[in-house]
PDB file of N, CA and C in Angstrom:
ATOM      1  N   MET A   1    -157.296  37.689  84.322  1.00  0.00           N
ATOM      2  CA  MET A   1    -157.946  39.023  84.687  1.00  0.00           C
ATOM      3  C   MET A   1    -157.144  39.418  86.233  1.00  0.00           C
ATOM      4  N   LYS A   2    -157.255  39.885  87.085  1.00  0.00           N
ATOM      5  CA  LYS A   2    -156.856  40.753  88.319  1.00  0.00           C
ATOM      6  C   LYS A   2    -158.021  40.456  89.298  1.00  0.00           C
ATOM      7  N   LYS A   3    -157.912  39.765  90.366  1.00  0.00           N
ATOM      8  CA  LYS A   3    -158.578  40.009  90.815  1.00  0.00           C
ATOM      9  C   LYS A   3    -158.521  41.246  92.243  1.00  0.00           C
ATOM     10  N   ASN A   4    -159.488  41.336  92.371  1.00  0.00           N
ATOM     11  CA  ASN A   4    -159.843  42.784  93.387  1.00  0.00           C
ATOM     12  C   ASN A   4    -159.937  42.757  94.560  1.00  0.00           C
ATOM     13  N   VAL A   5    -159.273  43.468  95.472  1.00  0.00           N
ATOM     14  CA  VAL A   5    -159.290  42.897  96.595  1.00  0.00           C
ATOM     15  C   VAL A   5    -159.511  44.507  97.547  1.00  0.00           C
ATOM     16  N   LEU A   6    -159.777  44.320  98.632  1.00  0.00           N
ATOM     17  CA  LEU A   6    -160.206  45.392  99.519  1.00  0.00           C
ATOM     18  C   LEU A   6    -158.875  45.997  99.926  1.00  0.00           C
ATOM     19  N   SER A   7    -158.465  47.042 100.528  1.00  0.00           N
ATOM     20  CA  SER A   7    -157.379  47.656 100.959  1.00  0.00           C
ATOM     21  C   SER A   7    -158.220  48.223 102.223  1.00  0.00           C
ATOM     22  N   PHE A   8    -157.134  48.063 103.090  1.00  0.00           N
ATOM     23  CA  PHE A   8    -157.746  48.836 104.240  1.00  0.00           C
ATOM     24  C   PHE A   8    -156.180  49.907 104.581  1.00  0.00           C
ATOM     25  N   GLY A   9    -156.566  50.543 104.782  1.00  0.00           N
ATOM     26  CA  GLY A   9    -155.504  51.662 105.696  1.00  0.00           C
ATOM     27  C   GLY A   9    -155.771  53.308 105.437  1.00  0.00           C
ATOM     28  N   THR A  10    -155.050  53.816 106.009  1.00  0.00           N
ATOM     29  CA  THR A  10    -154.887  55.346 106.066  1.00  0.00           C
ATOM     30  C   THR A  10    -155.278  56.000 104.653  1.00  0.00           C
ATOM     31  N   PRO A  11    -156.030  57.073 104.816  1.00  0.00           N
ATOM     32  CA  PRO A  11    -156.555  57.839 103.415  1.00  0.00           C
ATOM     33  C   PRO A  11    -154.633  57.960 103.137  1.00  0.00           C
ATOM     34  N   GLN A  12    -153.663  58.341 103.651  1.00  0.00           N
ATOM     35  CA  GLN A  12    -152.536  58.752 102.982  1.00  0.00           C
ATOM     36  C   GLN A  12    -151.977  57.596 102.741  1.00  0.00           C
ATOM     37  N   GLU A  13    -152.213  56.278 103.235  1.00  0.00           N
ATOM     38  CA  GLU A  13    -151.341  55.065 102.650  1.00  0.00           C
ATOM     39  C   GLU A  13    -152.139  54.427 101.680  1.00  0.00           C
ATOM     40  N   LEU A  14    -153.269  54.818 101.336  1.00  0.00           N
ATOM     41  CA  LEU A  14    -154.448  54.451  99.979  1.00  0.00           C
ATOM     42  C   LEU A  14    -153.657  55.507  98.763  1.00  0.00           C
ATOM     43  N   GLU A  15    -153.734  56.462  99.124  1.00  0.00           N
ATOM     44  CA  GLU A  15    -152.833  57.522  97.988  1.00  0.00           C
ATOM     45  C   GLU A  15    -151.938  56.550  97.213  1.00  0.00           C
ATOM     46  N   ALA A  16    -150.894  56.685  98.344  1.00  0.00           N
ATOM     47  CA  ALA A  16    -149.743  56.362  98.259  1.00  0.00           C
ATOM     48  C   ALA A  16    -149.468  54.765  97.039  1.00  0.00           C
ATOM     49  N   LYS A  17    -150.685  54.412  97.195  1.00  0.00           N
ATOM     50  CA  LYS A  17    -150.639  53.142  96.763  1.00  0.00           C
ATOM     51  C   LYS A  17    -151.067  53.460  95.199  1.00  0.00           C
ATOM     52  N   ARG A  18    -152.266  54.147  95.483  1.00  0.00           N
ATOM     53  CA  ARG A  18    -152.666  54.414  93.938  1.00  0.00           C
ATOM     54  C   ARG A  18    -151.698  54.830  93.130  1.00  0.00           C
ATOM     55  N   ILE A  19    -150.874  56.257  93.489  1.00  0.00           N
ATOM     56  CA  ILE A  19    -149.880  56.961  93.039  1.00  0.00           C
ATOM     57  C   ILE A  19    -149.098  55.763  92.258  1.00  0.00           C
ATOM     58  N   ALA A  20    -148.556  54.824  93.248  1.00  0.00           N
ATOM     59  CA  ALA A  20    -147.416  53.933  92.797  1.00  0.00           C
ATOM     60  C   ALA A  20    -148.092  52.872  91.877  1.00  0.00           C
ATOM     61  N   GLU A  21    -149.319  52.231  91.877  1.00  0.00           N
ATOM     62  CA  GLU A  21    -149.877  51.744  90.649  1.00  0.00           C
ATOM     63  C   GLU A  21    -149.943  52.536  89.333  1.00  0.00           C
ATOM     64  N   ILE A  22    -150.317  53.824  89.214  1.00  0.00           N
ATOM     65  CA  ILE A  22    -150.227  55.070  88.521  1.00  0.00           C
ATOM     66  C   ILE A  22    -149.135  54.946  87.853  1.00  0.00           C
ATOM     67  N   ARG A  23    -147.558  55.265  88.437  1.00  0.00           N
ATOM     68  CA  ARG A  23    -146.542  55.326  88.355  1.00  0.00           C
ATOM     69  C   ARG A  23    -146.245  53.963  87.267  1.00  0.00           C
ATOM     70  N   SER A  24    -146.756  52.749  87.641  1.00  0.00           N
ATOM     71  CA  SER A  24    -146.128  51.800  86.895  1.00  0.00           C
ATOM     72  C   SER A  24    -147.011  51.328  85.708  1.00  0.00           C
ATOM     73  N   LEU A  25    -148.018  51.843  85.433  1.00  0.00           N
ATOM     74  CA  LEU A  25    -148.401  51.540  84.486  1.00  0.00           C
ATOM     75  C   LEU A  25    -147.969  52.345  83.059  1.00  0.00           C
ATOM     76  N   SER A  26    -147.557  51.754  81.800  1.00  0.00           N
ATOM     77  CA  SER A  26    -147.085  52.464  80.777  1.00  0.00           C
ATOM     78  C   SER A  26    -147.992  53.551  79.953  1.00  0.00           C
ATOM     79  N   TYR A  27    -147.868  54.305  79.414  1.00  0.00           N
ATOM     80  CA  TYR A  27    -148.445  55.696  78.706  1.00  0.00           C
ATOM     81  C   TYR A  27    -149.708  54.943  78.222  1.00  0.00           C
ATOM     82  N   LEU A  28    -149.417  54.252  77.387  1.00  0.00           N
ATOM     83  CA  LEU A  28    -150.809  53.929  76.727  1.00  0.00           C
ATOM     84  C   LEU A  28    -151.940  52.809  77.713  1.00  0.00           C
ATOM     85  N   GLU A  29    -151.522  52.760  79.054  1.00  0.00           N
ATOM     86  CA  GLU A  29    -152.426  52.017  80.192  1.00  0.00           C
ATOM     87  C   GLU A  29    -153.528  53.125  80.580  1.00  0.00           C
ATOM     88  N   ARG A  30    -152.293  54.456  81.042  1.00  0.00           N
ATOM     89  CA  ARG A  30    -152.659  55.639  81.559  1.00  0.00           C
ATOM     90  C   ARG A  30    -153.881  55.928  80.209  1.00  0.00           C
ATOM     91  N   LEU A  31    -153.637  56.163  79.486  1.00  0.00           N
ATOM     92  CA  LEU A  31    -154.318  57.038  78.432  1.00  0.00           C
ATOM     93  C   LEU A  31    -155.764  56.327  78.284  1.00  0.00           C
ATOM     94  N   GLU A  32    -155.346  54.762  78.454  1.00  0.00           N
ATOM     95  CA  GLU A  32    -156.955  54.054  78.499  1.00  0.00           C
ATOM     96  C   GLU A  32    -158.274  54.137  79.489  1.00  0.00           C
ATOM     97  N   ARG A  33    -157.172  53.897  80.638  1.00  0.00           N
ATOM     98  CA  ARG A  33    -157.567  54.519  81.873  1.00  0.00           C
ATOM     99  C   ARG A  33    -158.556  55.909  82.121  1.00  0.00           C
ATOM    100  N   LEU A  34    -157.991  56.728  81.145  1.00  0.00           N
ATOM    101  CA  LEU A  34    -157.982  58.153  81.326  1.00  0.00           C
ATOM    102  C   LEU A  34    -159.523  58.279  80.231  1.00  0.00           C
ATOM    103  N   MET A  35    -159.388  57.608  78.953  1.00  0.00           N
ATOM    104  CA  MET A  35    -160.519  57.649  78.580  1.00  0.00           C
ATOM    105  C   MET A  35    -161.951  56.816  78.753  1.00  0.00           C
ATOM    106  N   VAL A  36    -161.485  55.747  79.573  1.00  0.00           N
ATOM    107  CA  VAL A  36    -162.824  54.777  80.540  1.00  0.00           C
ATOM    108  C   VAL A  36    -163.338  56.407  81.273  1.00  0.00           C
ATOM    109  N   LEU A  37    -162.414  56.784  82.074  1.00  0.00           N
ATOM    110  CA  LEU A  37    -163.138  58.002  83.053  1.00  0.00           C
ATOM    111  C   LEU A  37    -163.961  59.127  82.163  1.00  0.00           C
ATOM    112  N   ILE A  38    -163.905  59.329  80.796  1.00  0.00           N
ATOM    113  CA  ILE A  38    -164.322  60.510  80.134  1.00  0.00           C
ATOM    114  C   ILE A  38    -165.272  59.956  79.579  1.00  0.00           C
ATOM    115  N   GLU A  39    -165.708  58.758  79.320  1.00  0.00           N
ATOM    116  CA  GLU A  39    -166.711  57.765  78.839  1.00  0.00           C
ATOM    117  C   GLU A  39    -167.574  57.927  80.164  1.00  0.00           C
ATOM    118  N   VAL A  40    -167.254  57.312  81.024  1.00  0.00           N
ATOM    119  CA  VAL A  40    -168.167  56.665  82.376  1.00  0.00           C
ATOM    120  C   VAL A  40    -168.766  58.573  82.813  1.00  0.00           C
ATOM    121  N   SER A  41    -167.980  59.402  82.590  1.00  0.00           N
ATOM    122  CA  SER A  41    -168.457  60.523  83.123  1.00  0.00           C
ATOM    123  C   SER A  41    -169.553  61.439  81.534  1.00  0.00           C
ATOM    124  N   TYR A  42    -168.829  61.063  80.401  1.00  0.00           N
ATOM    125  CA  TYR A  42    -170.486  61.325  79.254  1.00  0.00           C
ATOM    126  C   TYR A  42    -171.598  60.909  79.769  1.00  0.00           C
ATOM    127  N   THR A  43    -171.627  59.362  79.867  1.00  0.00           N
ATOM    128  CA  THR A  43    -172.535  58.743  80.096  1.00  0.00           C
ATOM    129  C   THR A  43    -173.430  59.245  80.980  1.00  0.00           C
ATOM    130  N   LEU A  44    -172.764  59.659  82.444  1.00  0.00           N
ATOM    131  CA  LEU A  44    -173.666  60.330  82.940  1.00  0.00           C
ATOM    132  C   LEU A  44    -173.991  61.068  83.089  1.00  0.00           C
ATOM    133  N   LYS A  45    -173.314  62.226  82.019  1.00  0.00           N
ATOM    134  CA  LYS A  45    -174.098  63.670  81.808  1.00  0.00           C
ATOM    135  C   LYS A  45    -175.378  63.570  80.863  1.00  0.00           C
ATOM    136  N   THR A  46    -175.164  62.082  80.058  1.00  0.00           N
ATOM    137  CA  THR A  46    -176.355  62.510  79.359  1.00  0.00           C
ATOM    138  C   THR A  46    -177.420  61.120  79.650  1.00  0.00           C
ATOM    139  N   ALA A  47    -177.554  60.865  80.285  1.00  0.00           N
ATOM    140  CA  ALA A  47    -178.036  59.589  81.049  1.00  0.00           C
ATOM    141  C   ALA A  47    -179.404  60.313  81.124  1.00  0.00           C
ATOM    142  N   LYS A  48    -180.385  60.024  81.052  1.00  0.00           N
ATOM    143  CA  LYS A  48    -182.051  60.371  81.207  1.00  0.00           C
ATOM    144  C   LYS A  48    -182.550  60.016  82.326  1.00  0.00           C
ATOM    145  N   VAL A  49    -182.520  60.639  83.756  1.00  0.00           N
ATOM    146  CA  VAL A  49    -182.952  60.161  84.910  1.00  0.00           C
ATOM    147  C   VAL A  49    -184.436  59.586  85.169  1.00  0.00           C
ATOM    148  N   ILE A  50    -184.297  58.371  85.676  1.00  0.00           N
ATOM    149  CA  ILE A  50    -185.265  57.088  85.978  1.00  0.00           C
ATOM    150  C   ILE A  50    -185.941  58.173  87.250  1.00  0.00           C
ATOM    151  N   GLN A  51    -187.507  58.259  87.176  1.00  0.00           N
ATOM    152  CA  GLN A  51    -188.296  58.653  87.829  1.00  0.00           C
ATOM    153  C   GLN A  51    -188.872  57.620  88.506  1.00  0.00           C
ATOM    154  N   SER A  52    -189.120  57.325  89.863  1.00  0.00           N
ATOM    155  CA  SER A  52    -189.706  55.944  90.621  1.00  0.00           C
ATOM    156  C   SER A  52    -190.747  56.539  90.379  1.00  0.00           C
ATOM    157  N   LYS A  53    -192.017  55.378  90.322  1.00  0.00           N
ATOM    158  CA  LYS A  53    -192.897  55.551  90.365  1.00  0.00           C
ATOM    159  C   LYS A  53    -193.714  55.860  91.758  1.00  0.00           C
ATOM    160  N   LYS A  54    -194.518  56.918  92.437  1.00  0.00           N
ATOM    161  CA  LYS A  54    -195.308  57.687  93.954  1.00  0.00           C
ATOM    162  C   LYS A  54    -196.218  56.203  93.787  1.00  0.00           C
ATOM    163  N   ARG A  55    -195.928  55.452  94.602  1.00  0.00           N
ATOM    164  CA  ARG A  55    -197.463  54.770  95.418  1.00  0.00           C
ATOM    165  C   ARG A  55    -198.727  55.637  95.977  1.00  0.00           C
TER     166      ARG A  55
END
């Protein structure tokens, strides 16, 4: 598993890095990332809101 590294730079540089990373992925890897995003979006949409108790 790759180690996550924080990236610092201008928004344009970071966007260029993301685009280059996505272009380097295979079709299957792109599809897997899309499915993860859809799954997370659906989970957030259907999750019940937990209300904090007022003291």
